[in-house]
């Protein structure tokens, strides 16, 4: 799903890049079935709290693929971050808090 710059609160480590990330993987369907949740409810229950924690810590979010125009959860994560003041850098495939992005060189 979304790779996040190292910081407290991420649930797993991506050994390929040394970043923390959030991924329910195969557990997505199991949790959805056990808790009788829709995909939208899963997004709110599991993905939004992860994103909110990253937003609160002002972490940079890196995307495994380009989220622009993505019709699925990747696109929803991307839009959520934009709605919360993040700015997207397509060259880096990363979203940063507005003030952090404004202070970095182009």
C-alpha atoms as a PDB file:
ATOM      1  CA  UNK A   1       0.000   0.000   0.000  1.00  0.00           C
ATOM      2  CA  UNK A   2       1.848   3.067   1.254  1.00  0.00           C
ATOM      3  CA  UNK A   3       5.472   3.204   2.320  1.00  0.00           C
ATOM      4  CA  UNK A   4       6.160   5.653   5.125  1.00  0.00           C
ATOM      5  CA  UNK A   5       9.369   7.314   6.223  1.00  0.00           C
ATOM      6  CA  UNK A   6      10.722   5.724   9.413  1.00  0.00           C
ATOM      7  CA  UNK A   7       8.948   6.840  12.544  1.00  0.00           C
ATOM      8  CA  UNK A   8       6.991   5.447  15.475  1.00  0.00           C
ATOM      9  CA  UNK A   9       3.620   3.847  14.846  1.00  0.00           C
ATOM     10  CA  UNK A  10       4.204   2.053  11.561  1.00  0.00           C
ATOM     11  CA  UNK A  11       3.263  -1.591  11.756  1.00  0.00           C
ATOM     12  CA  UNK A  12       5.889  -3.338   9.678  1.00  0.00           C
ATOM     13  CA  UNK A  13       9.219  -2.841   7.958  1.00  0.00           C
ATOM     14  CA  UNK A  14       9.894  -2.962   4.250  1.00  0.00           C
ATOM     15  CA  UNK A  15      13.278  -4.672   4.129  1.00  0.00           C
ATOM     16  CA  UNK A  16      13.825  -3.515   0.538  1.00  0.00           C
ATOM     17  CA  UNK A  17      14.046   0.145   1.492  1.00  0.00           C
ATOM     18  CA  UNK A  18      14.287   0.251   5.275  1.00  0.00           C
ATOM     19  CA  UNK A  19      11.019   2.157   5.570  1.00  0.00           C
ATOM     20  CA  UNK A  20       8.001   1.361   7.687  1.00  0.00           C
ATOM     21  CA  UNK A  21       4.749   0.659   5.933  1.00  0.00           C
ATOM     22  CA  UNK A  22       1.157  -0.445   6.384  1.00  0.00           C
ATOM     23  CA  UNK A  23      -0.130  -3.577   4.719  1.00  0.00           C
ATOM     24  CA  UNK A  24      -2.830  -5.938   5.884  1.00  0.00           C
ATOM     25  CA  UNK A  25      -1.980  -8.268   3.014  1.00  0.00           C
ATOM     26  CA  UNK A  26      -3.861 -11.547   3.203  1.00  0.00           C
ATOM     27  CA  UNK A  27      -5.494 -10.523   6.475  1.00  0.00           C
ATOM     28  CA  UNK A  28      -7.609  -7.877   4.675  1.00  0.00           C
ATOM     29  CA  UNK A  29     -10.295 -10.347   3.577  1.00  0.00           C
ATOM     30  CA  UNK A  30     -10.151 -12.314   6.834  1.00  0.00           C
ATOM     31  CA  UNK A  31     -10.676  -9.179   8.942  1.00  0.00           C
ATOM     32  CA  UNK A  32     -13.348  -7.898   6.576  1.00  0.00           C
ATOM     33  CA  UNK A  33     -15.280 -11.176   6.825  1.00  0.00           C
ATOM     34  CA  UNK A  34     -14.864 -11.636  10.588  1.00  0.00           C
ATOM     35  CA  UNK A  35     -15.932  -8.073  11.360  1.00  0.00           C
ATOM     36  CA  UNK A  36     -18.578  -7.933   8.619  1.00  0.00           C
ATOM     37  CA  UNK A  37     -17.153  -4.748   7.113  1.00  0.00           C
ATOM     38  CA  UNK A  38     -17.393  -3.262   3.640  1.00  0.00           C
ATOM     39  CA  UNK A  39     -14.269  -2.063   1.837  1.00  0.00           C
ATOM     40  CA  UNK A  40     -15.226   1.521   2.748  1.00  0.00           C
ATOM     41  CA  UNK A  41     -15.562   0.575   6.416  1.00  0.00           C
ATOM     42  CA  UNK A  42     -12.192  -1.201   6.270  1.00  0.00           C
ATOM     43  CA  UNK A  43     -10.625   1.937   4.829  1.00  0.00           C
ATOM     44  CA  UNK A  44     -12.009   4.054   7.672  1.00  0.00           C
ATOM     45  CA  UNK A  45     -11.242   1.495  10.387  1.00  0.00           C
ATOM     46  CA  UNK A  46      -7.703   0.545   9.367  1.00  0.00           C
ATOM     47  CA  UNK A  47      -6.163   2.831   6.764  1.00  0.00           C
ATOM     48  CA  UNK A  48      -7.389   6.212   8.027  1.00  0.00           C
ATOM     49  CA  UNK A  49      -5.943   5.740  11.552  1.00  0.00           C
ATOM     50  CA  UNK A  50      -2.582   4.806  10.031  1.00  0.00           C
ATOM     51  CA  UNK A  51      -2.651   7.868   7.760  1.00  0.00           C
ATOM     52  CA  UNK A  52      -3.801  10.112  10.630  1.00  0.00           C
ATOM     53  CA  UNK A  53      -0.848   8.948  12.730  1.00  0.00           C
ATOM     54  CA  UNK A  54       1.557   9.688   9.897  1.00  0.00           C
ATOM     55  CA  UNK A  55      -0.067  13.102   9.356  1.00  0.00           C
ATOM     56  CA  UNK A  56       0.199  13.890  13.051  1.00  0.00           C
ATOM     57  CA  UNK A  57       3.905  12.941  13.030  1.00  0.00           C
ATOM     58  CA  UNK A  58       4.328  14.972   9.805  1.00  0.00           C
ATOM     59  CA  UNK A  59       5.909  12.022   8.042  1.00  0.00           C
ATOM     60  CA  UNK A  60       6.681  11.843   4.355  1.00  0.00           C
ATOM     61  CA  UNK A  61       4.593   9.194   2.583  1.00  0.00           C
ATOM     62  CA  UNK A  62       6.178   7.318  -0.314  1.00  0.00           C
ATOM     63  CA  UNK A  63       4.017   5.439  -2.798  1.00  0.00           C
ATOM     64  CA  UNK A  64       5.018   2.111  -4.350  1.00  0.00           C
ATOM     65  CA  UNK A  65       3.396   3.264  -7.604  1.00  0.00           C
ATOM     66  CA  UNK A  66       1.969   6.504  -8.950  1.00  0.00           C
ATOM     67  CA  UNK A  67      -1.234   7.255  -7.003  1.00  0.00           C
ATOM     68  CA  UNK A  68      -2.503   9.986  -9.349  1.00  0.00           C
ATOM     69  CA  UNK A  69      -5.778   8.864 -10.888  1.00  0.00           C
ATOM     70  CA  UNK A  70      -5.693   5.484  -9.144  1.00  0.00           C
ATOM     71  CA  UNK A  71      -9.329   4.338  -8.744  1.00  0.00           C
ATOM     72  CA  UNK A  72      -8.595   2.085  -5.756  1.00  0.00           C
ATOM     73  CA  UNK A  73      -7.310   2.398  -2.221  1.00  0.00           C
ATOM     74  CA  UNK A  74      -3.997   3.884  -3.331  1.00  0.00           C
ATOM     75  CA  UNK A  75      -5.885   6.773  -4.910  1.00  0.00           C
ATOM     76  CA  UNK A  76      -8.063   7.148  -1.834  1.00  0.00           C
ATOM     77  CA  UNK A  77      -4.984   7.321   0.403  1.00  0.00           C
ATOM     78  CA  UNK A  78      -3.470   9.906  -1.916  1.00  0.00           C
ATOM     79  CA  UNK A  79      -6.613  12.076  -1.912  1.00  0.00           C
ATOM     80  CA  UNK A  80      -6.878  11.794   1.876  1.00  0.00           C
ATOM     81  CA  UNK A  81      -3.335  13.123   2.250  1.00  0.00           C
ATOM     82  CA  UNK A  82      -3.997  16.008  -0.157  1.00  0.00           C
ATOM     83  CA  UNK A  83      -7.125  16.913   1.814  1.00  0.00           C
ATOM     84  CA  UNK A  84      -4.948  17.069   4.938  1.00  0.00           C
ATOM     85  CA  UNK A  85      -2.419  19.529   3.547  1.00  0.00           C
ATOM     86  CA  UNK A  86       0.084  17.214   1.922  1.00  0.00           C
ATOM     87  CA  UNK A  87       1.832  18.134  -1.332  1.00  0.00           C
ATOM     88  CA  UNK A  88       2.727  15.496  -3.899  1.00  0.00           C
ATOM     89  CA  UNK A  89       6.130  15.266  -5.596  1.00  0.00           C
ATOM     90  CA  UNK A  90       5.614  12.974  -8.624  1.00  0.00           C
ATOM     91  CA  UNK A  91       9.338  12.648  -9.307  1.00  0.00           C
ATOM     92  CA  UNK A  92       9.845  11.103  -5.860  1.00  0.00           C
ATOM     93  CA  UNK A  93       6.376   9.495  -5.728  1.00  0.00           C
ATOM     94  CA  UNK A  94       6.123  11.032  -2.266  1.00  0.00           C
ATOM     95  CA  UNK A  95       3.713  13.269  -0.370  1.00  0.00           C
ATOM     96  CA  UNK A  96       4.951  15.602   2.360  1.00  0.00           C
ATOM     97  CA  UNK A  97       3.346  18.027   4.777  1.00  0.00           C
ATOM     98  CA  UNK A  98       3.023  21.387   3.030  1.00  0.00           C
ATOM     99  CA  UNK A  99       5.530  23.229   5.235  1.00  0.00           C
ATOM    100  CA  UNK A 100       8.149  20.467   4.875  1.00  0.00           C
ATOM    101  CA  UNK A 101       7.777  20.464   1.066  1.00  0.00           C
ATOM    102  CA  UNK A 102       7.943  24.255   0.855  1.00  0.00           C
ATOM    103  CA  UNK A 103      11.247  24.332   2.707  1.00  0.00           C
ATOM    104  CA  UNK A 104      13.023  21.760   0.546  1.00  0.00           C
ATOM    105  CA  UNK A 105      15.036  22.580  -2.556  1.00  0.00           C
ATOM    106  CA  UNK A 106      13.396  21.968  -5.927  1.00  0.00           C
END
